[in-house]
Amino acid sequence: MPKVEIDFFECKPLKASLEGARTKIVPNKKGASVTTKDKSSEKLPIHRLPMESTNPSDSFKYLMMRREWRSLIRYRSAQNISDSSVV
């Protein structure tokens, strides 16, 4: 996956949401368990939502996981970690 830099000062709600997103283990119909994002923070009072809910991290996920962008990463050849060139 590509490295993404997030501005600490301009994207505080996004940074807080990415760092604070919790997961929970939920059993599925086949008897196995699945790890999902805990969405209970979305029921907080509206003044607490920007810094404490998972909404910003969900928006970020939808932005980063676009089909076109995933296909670029999937078909791109692996780079050497010590390679400092920019593609």
PDB file of N, CA and C in Angstrom:
ATOM      1  N   MET A   1       0.845  -1.182   0.000  1.00  0.00           N
ATOM      2  CA  MET A   1       0.000   0.000   0.000  1.00  0.00           C
ATOM      3  C   MET A   1       0.889   1.243   0.000  1.00  0.00           C
ATOM      4  N   PRO A   2       0.437   2.288  -0.631  1.00  0.00           N
ATOM      5  CA  PRO A   2       1.235   3.520  -0.654  1.00  0.00           C
ATOM      6  C   PRO A   2       1.209   4.209   0.705  1.00  0.00           C
ATOM      7  N   LYS A   3       2.228   4.981   0.949  1.00  0.00           N
ATOM      8  CA  LYS A   3       2.258   5.777   2.176  1.00  0.00           C
ATOM      9  C   LYS A   3       1.393   7.008   1.977  1.00  0.00           C
ATOM     10  N   VAL A   4       0.660   7.365   3.014  1.00  0.00           N
ATOM     11  CA  VAL A   4      -0.213   8.531   2.976  1.00  0.00           C
ATOM     12  C   VAL A   4       0.145   9.409   4.157  1.00  0.00           C
ATOM     13  N   GLU A   5       0.348  10.678   3.889  1.00  0.00           N
ATOM     14  CA  GLU A   5       0.628  11.624   4.967  1.00  0.00           C
ATOM     15  C   GLU A   5      -0.637  12.427   5.246  1.00  0.00           C
ATOM     16  N   ILE A   6      -0.968  12.556   6.524  1.00  0.00           N
ATOM     17  CA  ILE A   6      -2.154  13.291   6.946  1.00  0.00           C
ATOM     18  C   ILE A   6      -1.704  14.471   7.777  1.00  0.00           C
ATOM     19  N   ASP A   7      -2.139  15.660   7.402  1.00  0.00           N
ATOM     20  CA  ASP A   7      -1.737  16.882   8.091  1.00  0.00           C
ATOM     21  C   ASP A   7      -2.336  16.910   9.503  1.00  0.00           C
ATOM     22  N   PHE A   8      -1.480  16.984  10.500  1.00  0.00           N
ATOM     23  CA  PHE A   8      -1.903  16.980  11.903  1.00  0.00           C
ATOM     24  C   PHE A   8      -2.786  18.176  12.235  1.00  0.00           C
ATOM     25  N   PHE A   9      -2.495  19.326  11.647  1.00  0.00           N
ATOM     26  CA  PHE A   9      -3.218  20.542  11.997  1.00  0.00           C
ATOM     27  C   PHE A   9      -4.507  20.723  11.199  1.00  0.00           C
ATOM     28  N   GLU A  10      -4.522  20.334   9.945  1.00  0.00           N
ATOM     29  CA  GLU A  10      -5.696  20.531   9.100  1.00  0.00           C
ATOM     30  C   GLU A  10      -6.678  19.364   9.145  1.00  0.00           C
ATOM     31  N   CYS A  11      -6.241  18.206   9.606  1.00  0.00           N
ATOM     32  CA  CYS A  11      -7.094  17.007   9.573  1.00  0.00           C
ATOM     33  C   CYS A  11      -7.230  16.353  10.944  1.00  0.00           C
ATOM     34  N   LYS A  12      -7.389  17.155  11.972  1.00  0.00           N
ATOM     35  CA  LYS A  12      -7.495  16.599  13.326  1.00  0.00           C
ATOM     36  C   LYS A  12      -8.641  15.597  13.482  1.00  0.00           C
ATOM     37  N   PRO A  13      -9.854  15.886  12.956  1.00  0.00           N
ATOM     38  CA  PRO A  13     -10.920  14.880  13.099  1.00  0.00           C
ATOM     39  C   PRO A  13     -10.594  13.558  12.404  1.00  0.00           C
ATOM     40  N   LEU A  14      -9.975  13.620  11.226  1.00  0.00           N
ATOM     41  CA  LEU A  14      -9.612  12.393  10.522  1.00  0.00           C
ATOM     42  C   LEU A  14      -8.562  11.616  11.292  1.00  0.00           C
ATOM     43  N   LYS A  15      -7.546  12.306  11.761  1.00  0.00           N
ATOM     44  CA  LYS A  15      -6.485  11.656  12.529  1.00  0.00           C
ATOM     45  C   LYS A  15      -7.054  11.012  13.799  1.00  0.00           C
ATOM     46  N   ALA A  16      -7.909  11.736  14.504  1.00  0.00           N
ATOM     47  CA  ALA A  16      -8.515  11.202  15.720  1.00  0.00           C
ATOM     48  C   ALA A  16      -9.392   9.991  15.412  1.00  0.00           C
ATOM     49  N   SER A  17     -10.118  10.045  14.312  1.00  0.00           N
ATOM     50  CA  SER A  17     -10.991   8.935  13.941  1.00  0.00           C
ATOM     51  C   SER A  17     -10.188   7.701  13.551  1.00  0.00           C
ATOM     52  N   LEU A  18      -9.125   7.877  12.793  1.00  0.00           N
ATOM     53  CA  LEU A  18      -8.292   6.741  12.392  1.00  0.00           C
ATOM     54  C   LEU A  18      -7.611   6.101  13.592  1.00  0.00           C
ATOM     55  N   GLU A  19      -7.153   6.918  14.516  1.00  0.00           N
ATOM     56  CA  GLU A  19      -6.456   6.392  15.697  1.00  0.00           C
ATOM     57  C   GLU A  19      -7.419   5.799  16.721  1.00  0.00           C
ATOM     58  N   GLY A  20      -8.634   6.323  16.777  1.00  0.00           N
ATOM     59  CA  GLY A  20      -9.559   5.887  17.819  1.00  0.00           C
ATOM     60  C   GLY A  20     -10.579   4.855  17.386  1.00  0.00           C
ATOM     61  N   ALA A  21     -10.560   4.479  16.117  1.00  0.00           N
ATOM     62  CA  ALA A  21     -11.539   3.498  15.629  1.00  0.00           C
ATOM     63  C   ALA A  21     -11.299   2.151  16.304  1.00  0.00           C
ATOM     64  N   ARG A  22     -12.319   1.648  16.943  1.00  0.00           N
ATOM     65  CA  ARG A  22     -12.231   0.364  17.632  1.00  0.00           C
ATOM     66  C   ARG A  22     -12.844  -0.719  16.764  1.00  0.00           C
ATOM     67  N   THR A  23     -12.463  -1.938  17.045  1.00  0.00           N
ATOM     68  CA  THR A  23     -13.035  -3.073  16.328  1.00  0.00           C
ATOM     69  C   THR A  23     -13.741  -3.984  17.316  1.00  0.00           C
ATOM     70  N   LYS A  24     -14.621  -4.813  16.779  1.00  0.00           N
ATOM     71  CA  LYS A  24     -15.282  -5.813  17.611  1.00  0.00           C
ATOM     72  C   LYS A  24     -15.389  -7.103  16.801  1.00  0.00           C
ATOM     73  N   ILE A  25     -15.462  -8.204  17.507  1.00  0.00           N
ATOM     74  CA  ILE A  25     -15.565  -9.503  16.869  1.00  0.00           C
ATOM     75  C   ILE A  25     -17.020  -9.946  16.928  1.00  0.00           C
ATOM     76  N   VAL A  26     -17.582 -10.225  15.751  1.00  0.00           N
ATOM     77  CA  VAL A  26     -18.995 -10.571  15.632  1.00  0.00           C
ATOM     78  C   VAL A  26     -19.099 -11.946  14.980  1.00  0.00           C
ATOM     79  N   PRO A  27     -19.877 -12.859  15.573  1.00  0.00           N
ATOM     80  CA  PRO A  27     -20.060 -14.161  14.917  1.00  0.00           C
ATOM     81  C   PRO A  27     -20.917 -14.007  13.660  1.00  0.00           C
ATOM     82  N   ASN A  28     -20.566 -14.755  12.619  1.00  0.00           N
ATOM     83  CA  ASN A  28     -21.376 -14.698  11.400  1.00  0.00           C
ATOM     84  C   ASN A  28     -22.259 -15.934  11.296  1.00  0.00           C
ATOM     85  N   LYS A  29     -23.013 -16.052  10.234  1.00  0.00           N
ATOM     86  CA  LYS A  29     -23.982 -17.146  10.082  1.00  0.00           C
ATOM     87  C   LYS A  29     -23.333 -18.517   9.946  1.00  0.00           C
ATOM     88  N   LYS A  30     -22.089 -18.553   9.498  1.00  0.00           N
ATOM     89  CA  LYS A  30     -21.410 -19.829   9.283  1.00  0.00           C
ATOM     90  C   LYS A  30     -20.705 -20.340  10.538  1.00  0.00           C
ATOM     91  N   GLY A  31     -20.853 -19.649  11.644  1.00  0.00           N
ATOM     92  CA  GLY A  31     -20.244 -20.085  12.894  1.00  0.00           C
ATOM     93  C   GLY A  31     -18.866 -19.508  13.146  1.00  0.00           C
ATOM     94  N   ALA A  32     -18.277 -18.876  12.153  1.00  0.00           N
ATOM     95  CA  ALA A  32     -16.969 -18.247  12.336  1.00  0.00           C
ATOM     96  C   ALA A  32     -17.168 -16.847  12.902  1.00  0.00           C
ATOM     97  N   SER A  33     -16.095 -16.162  13.203  1.00  0.00           N
ATOM     98  CA  SER A  33     -16.217 -14.798  13.703  1.00  0.00           C
ATOM     99  C   SER A  33     -15.548 -13.837  12.725  1.00  0.00           C
ATOM    100  N   VAL A  34     -16.075 -12.626  12.669  1.00  0.00           N
ATOM    101  CA  VAL A  34     -15.603 -11.607  11.752  1.00  0.00           C
ATOM    102  C   VAL A  34     -15.253 -10.366  12.560  1.00  0.00           C
ATOM    103  N   THR A  35     -14.157  -9.730  12.225  1.00  0.00           N
ATOM    104  CA  THR A  35     -13.773  -8.481  12.877  1.00  0.00           C
ATOM    105  C   THR A  35     -14.365  -7.329  12.089  1.00  0.00           C
ATOM    106  N   THR A  36     -15.134  -6.480  12.763  1.00  0.00           N
ATOM    107  CA  THR A  36     -15.761  -5.322  12.127  1.00  0.00           C
ATOM    108  C   THR A  36     -15.457  -4.070  12.933  1.00  0.00           C
ATOM    109  N   LYS A  37     -15.696  -2.936  12.314  1.00  0.00           N
ATOM    110  CA  LYS A  37     -15.491  -1.660  12.997  1.00  0.00           C
ATOM    111  C   LYS A  37     -16.650  -1.420  13.956  1.00  0.00           C
ATOM    112  N   ASP A  38     -16.341  -0.986  15.170  1.00  0.00           N
ATOM    113  CA  ASP A  38     -17.354  -0.680  16.176  1.00  0.00           C
ATOM    114  C   ASP A  38     -17.974   0.674  15.849  1.00  0.00           C
ATOM    115  N   LYS A  39     -19.232   0.696  15.476  1.00  0.00           N
ATOM    116  CA  LYS A  39     -19.927   1.911  15.060  1.00  0.00           C
ATOM    117  C   LYS A  39     -20.705   2.582  16.193  1.00  0.00           C
ATOM    118  N   SER A  40     -20.525   2.139  17.420  1.00  0.00           N
ATOM    119  CA  SER A  40     -21.294   2.706  18.537  1.00  0.00           C
ATOM    120  C   SER A  40     -20.983   4.185  18.759  1.00  0.00           C
ATOM    121  N   SER A  41     -19.811   4.653  18.325  1.00  0.00           N
ATOM    122  CA  SER A  41     -19.452   6.063  18.515  1.00  0.00           C
ATOM    123  C   SER A  41     -20.285   6.989  17.638  1.00  0.00           C
ATOM    124  N   GLU A  42     -20.975   6.465  16.647  1.00  0.00           N
ATOM    125  CA  GLU A  42     -21.791   7.301  15.770  1.00  0.00           C
ATOM    126  C   GLU A  42     -23.100   7.729  16.416  1.00  0.00           C
ATOM    127  N   LYS A  43     -23.392   7.212  17.602  1.00  0.00           N
ATOM    128  CA  LYS A  43     -24.609   7.585  18.322  1.00  0.00           C
ATOM    129  C   LYS A  43     -24.333   8.639  19.391  1.00  0.00           C
ATOM    130  N   LEU A  44     -23.147   9.203  19.402  1.00  0.00           N
ATOM    131  CA  LEU A  44     -22.795  10.236  20.373  1.00  0.00           C
ATOM    132  C   LEU A  44     -23.539  11.530  20.062  1.00  0.00           C
ATOM    133  N   PRO A  45     -23.589  12.451  21.022  1.00  0.00           N
ATOM    134  CA  PRO A  45     -24.197  13.759  20.740  1.00  0.00           C
ATOM    135  C   PRO A  45     -23.458  14.445  19.584  1.00  0.00           C
ATOM    136  N   ILE A  46     -24.182  15.252  18.839  1.00  0.00           N
ATOM    137  CA  ILE A  46     -23.647  15.824  17.601  1.00  0.00           C
ATOM    138  C   ILE A  46     -22.375  16.656  17.822  1.00  0.00           C
ATOM    139  N   HIS A  47     -22.235  17.307  18.957  1.00  0.00           N
ATOM    140  CA  HIS A  47     -21.048  18.128  19.182  1.00  0.00           C
ATOM    141  C   HIS A  47     -19.793  17.282  19.405  1.00  0.00           C
ATOM    142  N   ARG A  48     -19.944  15.995  19.709  1.00  0.00           N
ATOM    143  CA  ARG A  48     -18.791  15.102  19.924  1.00  0.00           C
ATOM    144  C   ARG A  48     -18.429  14.301  18.677  1.00  0.00           C
ATOM    145  N   LEU A  49     -19.303  14.267  17.682  1.00  0.00           N
ATOM    146  CA  LEU A  49     -19.090  13.418  16.506  1.00  0.00           C
ATOM    147  C   LEU A  49     -17.805  13.710  15.725  1.00  0.00           C
ATOM    148  N   PRO A  50     -17.457  14.969  15.432  1.00  0.00           N
ATOM    149  CA  PRO A  50     -16.274  15.192  14.594  1.00  0.00           C
ATOM    150  C   PRO A  50     -14.991  14.553  15.131  1.00  0.00           C
ATOM    151  N   MET A  51     -14.779  14.582  16.427  1.00  0.00           N
ATOM    152  CA  MET A  51     -13.519  14.076  16.981  1.00  0.00           C
ATOM    153  C   MET A  51     -13.609  12.646  17.504  1.00  0.00           C
ATOM    154  N   GLU A  52     -14.812  12.113  17.692  1.00  0.00           N
ATOM    155  CA  GLU A  52     -14.922  10.805  18.338  1.00  0.00           C
ATOM    156  C   GLU A  52     -15.630   9.727  17.526  1.00  0.00           C
ATOM    157  N   SER A  53     -16.226  10.070  16.397  1.00  0.00           N
ATOM    158  CA  SER A  53     -16.956   9.050  15.643  1.00  0.00           C
ATOM    159  C   SER A  53     -16.076   8.407  14.582  1.00  0.00           C
ATOM    160  N   THR A  54     -16.593   7.361  13.978  1.00  0.00           N
ATOM    161  CA  THR A  54     -15.859   6.680  12.903  1.00  0.00           C
ATOM    162  C   THR A  54     -16.213   7.249  11.532  1.00  0.00           C
ATOM    163  N   ASN A  55     -17.056   8.264  11.465  1.00  0.00           N
ATOM    164  CA  ASN A  55     -17.454   8.830  10.174  1.00  0.00           C
ATOM    165  C   ASN A  55     -16.276   9.342   9.345  1.00  0.00           C
ATOM    166  N   PRO A  56     -15.340  10.122   9.912  1.00  0.00           N
ATOM    167  CA  PRO A  56     -14.201  10.562   9.085  1.00  0.00           C
ATOM    168  C   PRO A  56     -13.353   9.408   8.555  1.00  0.00           C
ATOM    169  N   SER A  57     -13.126   8.384   9.370  1.00  0.00           N
ATOM    170  CA  SER A  57     -12.321   7.256   8.891  1.00  0.00           C
ATOM    171  C   SER A  57     -13.056   6.475   7.813  1.00  0.00           C
ATOM    172  N   ASP A  58     -14.382   6.400   7.884  1.00  0.00           N
ATOM    173  CA  ASP A  58     -15.151   5.740   6.825  1.00  0.00           C
ATOM    174  C   ASP A  58     -15.038   6.523   5.518  1.00  0.00           C
ATOM    175  N   SER A  59     -15.135   7.834   5.597  1.00  0.00           N
ATOM    176  CA  SER A  59     -15.003   8.668   4.398  1.00  0.00           C
ATOM    177  C   SER A  59     -13.627   8.498   3.777  1.00  0.00           C
ATOM    178  N   PHE A  60     -12.603   8.454   4.611  1.00  0.00           N
ATOM    179  CA  PHE A  60     -11.234   8.269   4.138  1.00  0.00           C
ATOM    180  C   PHE A  60     -11.093   6.911   3.454  1.00  0.00           C
ATOM    181  N   LYS A  61     -11.697   5.891   4.026  1.00  0.00           N
ATOM    182  CA  LYS A  61     -11.636   4.556   3.432  1.00  0.00           C
ATOM    183  C   LYS A  61     -12.267   4.552   2.045  1.00  0.00           C
ATOM    184  N   TYR A  62     -13.432   5.184   1.902  1.00  0.00           N
ATOM    185  CA  TYR A  62     -14.096   5.215   0.601  1.00  0.00           C
ATOM    186  C   TYR A  62     -13.274   5.999  -0.418  1.00  0.00           C
ATOM    187  N   LEU A  63     -12.588   7.031   0.010  1.00  0.00           N
ATOM    188  CA  LEU A  63     -11.718   7.785  -0.888  1.00  0.00           C
ATOM    189  C   LEU A  63     -10.531   6.935  -1.342  1.00  0.00           C
ATOM    190  N   MET A  64      -9.874   6.287  -0.397  1.00  0.00           N
ATOM    191  CA  MET A  64      -8.646   5.552  -0.706  1.00  0.00           C
ATOM    192  C   MET A  64      -8.898   4.217  -1.400  1.00  0.00           C
ATOM    193  N   MET A  65     -10.059   3.628  -1.225  1.00  0.00           N
ATOM    194  CA  MET A  65     -10.321   2.302  -1.780  1.00  0.00           C
ATOM    195  C   MET A  65     -11.128   2.350  -3.074  1.00  0.00           C
ATOM    196  N   ARG A  66     -10.991   3.425  -3.818  1.00  0.00           N
ATOM    197  CA  ARG A  66     -11.643   3.494  -5.123  1.00  0.00           C
ATOM    198  C   ARG A  66     -11.124   2.370  -6.014  1.00  0.00           C
ATOM    199  N   ARG A  67     -11.985   1.848  -6.829  1.00  0.00           N
ATOM    200  CA  ARG A  67     -11.620   0.727  -7.699  1.00  0.00           C
ATOM    201  C   ARG A  67     -10.429   1.079  -8.590  1.00  0.00           C
ATOM    202  N   GLU A  68     -10.421   2.292  -9.152  1.00  0.00           N
ATOM    203  CA  GLU A  68      -9.324   2.683 -10.039  1.00  0.00           C
ATOM    204  C   GLU A  68      -7.997   2.728  -9.294  1.00  0.00           C
ATOM    205  N   TRP A  69      -8.022   3.243  -8.061  1.00  0.00           N
ATOM    206  CA  TRP A  69      -6.788   3.370  -7.297  1.00  0.00           C
ATOM    207  C   TRP A  69      -6.291   2.009  -6.836  1.00  0.00           C
ATOM    208  N   ARG A  70      -7.209   1.112  -6.462  1.00  0.00           N
ATOM    209  CA  ARG A  70      -6.795  -0.233  -6.058  1.00  0.00           C
ATOM    210  C   ARG A  70      -6.176  -0.981  -7.223  1.00  0.00           C
ATOM    211  N   SER A  71      -6.723  -0.785  -8.422  1.00  0.00           N
ATOM    212  CA  SER A  71      -6.154  -1.480  -9.578  1.00  0.00           C
ATOM    213  C   SER A  71      -4.767  -0.960  -9.897  1.00  0.00           C
ATOM    214  N   LEU A  72      -4.497   0.310  -9.668  1.00  0.00           N
ATOM    215  CA  LEU A  72      -3.144   0.839  -9.873  1.00  0.00           C
ATOM    216  C   LEU A  72      -2.148   0.163  -8.950  1.00  0.00           C
ATOM    217  N   ILE A  73      -2.532  -0.027  -7.706  1.00  0.00           N
ATOM    218  CA  ILE A  73      -1.645  -0.657  -6.730  1.00  0.00           C
ATOM    219  C   ILE A  73      -1.492  -2.142  -7.033  1.00  0.00           C
ATOM    220  N   ARG A  74      -2.553  -2.803  -7.399  1.00  0.00           N
ATOM    221  CA  ARG A  74      -2.535  -4.240  -7.633  1.00  0.00           C
ATOM    222  C   ARG A  74      -1.584  -4.612  -8.760  1.00  0.00           C
ATOM    223  N   TYR A  75      -1.584  -3.845  -9.845  1.00  0.00           N
ATOM    224  CA  TYR A  75      -0.793  -4.205 -11.013  1.00  0.00           C
ATOM    225  C   TYR A  75       0.576  -3.537 -11.057  1.00  0.00           C
ATOM    226  N   ARG A  76       0.883  -2.772 -10.063  1.00  0.00           N
ATOM    227  CA  ARG A  76       2.181  -2.102 -10.003  1.00  0.00           C
ATOM    228  C   ARG A  76       3.215  -3.092  -9.500  1.00  0.00           C
ATOM    229  N   SER A  77       4.369  -3.085 -10.093  1.00  0.00           N
ATOM    230  CA  SER A  77       5.410  -4.023  -9.664  1.00  0.00           C
ATOM    231  C   SER A  77       5.942  -3.626  -8.290  1.00  0.00           C
ATOM    232  N   ALA A  78       6.398  -4.602  -7.553  1.00  0.00           N
ATOM    233  CA  ALA A  78       6.931  -4.357  -6.211  1.00  0.00           C
ATOM    234  C   ALA A  78       8.207  -3.540  -6.319  1.00  0.00           C
ATOM    235  N   GLN A  79       8.342  -2.561  -5.426  1.00  0.00           N
ATOM    236  CA  GLN A  79       9.537  -1.738  -5.421  1.00  0.00           C
ATOM    237  C   GLN A  79      10.463  -2.188  -4.314  1.00  0.00           C
ATOM    238  N   ASN A  80      11.724  -1.963  -4.539  1.00  0.00           N
ATOM    239  CA  ASN A  80      12.727  -2.250  -3.527  1.00  0.00           C
ATOM    240  C   ASN A  80      12.583  -1.207  -2.409  1.00  0.00           C
ATOM    241  N   ILE A  81      12.586  -1.635  -1.176  1.00  0.00           N
ATOM    242  CA  ILE A  81      12.403  -0.717  -0.048  1.00  0.00           C
ATOM    243  C   ILE A  81      13.509   0.320   0.004  1.00  0.00           C
ATOM    244  N   SER A  82      14.710  -0.053  -0.386  1.00  0.00           N
ATOM    245  CA  SER A  82      15.834   0.877  -0.323  1.00  0.00           C
ATOM    246  C   SER A  82      15.843   1.833  -1.518  1.00  0.00           C
ATOM    247  N   ASP A  83      14.949   1.635  -2.483  1.00  0.00           N
ATOM    248  CA  ASP A  83      14.884   2.503  -3.652  1.00  0.00           C
ATOM    249  C   ASP A  83      14.278   3.824  -3.244  1.00  0.00           C
ATOM    250  N   SER A  84      14.986   4.923  -3.455  1.00  0.00           N
ATOM    251  CA  SER A  84      14.497   6.233  -3.030  1.00  0.00           C
ATOM    252  C   SER A  84      13.897   7.023  -4.183  1.00  0.00           C
ATOM    253  N   SER A  85      13.771   6.423  -5.349  1.00  0.00           N
ATOM    254  CA  SER A  85      13.213   7.143  -6.482  1.00  0.00           C
ATOM    255  C   SER A  85      11.699   7.286  -6.321  1.00  0.00           C
ATOM    256  N   VAL A  86      11.175   8.331  -6.946  1.00  0.00           N
ATOM    257  CA  VAL A  86       9.740   8.598  -6.910  1.00  0.00           C
ATOM    258  C   VAL A  86       9.169   8.217  -8.255  1.00  0.00           C
ATOM    259  N   VAL A  87       8.077   7.465  -8.225  1.00  0.00           N
ATOM    260  CA  VAL A  87       7.454   7.014  -9.475  1.00  0.00           C
ATOM    261  C   VAL A  87       6.260   7.876  -9.786  1.00  0.00           C
TER     262      VAL A  87
END
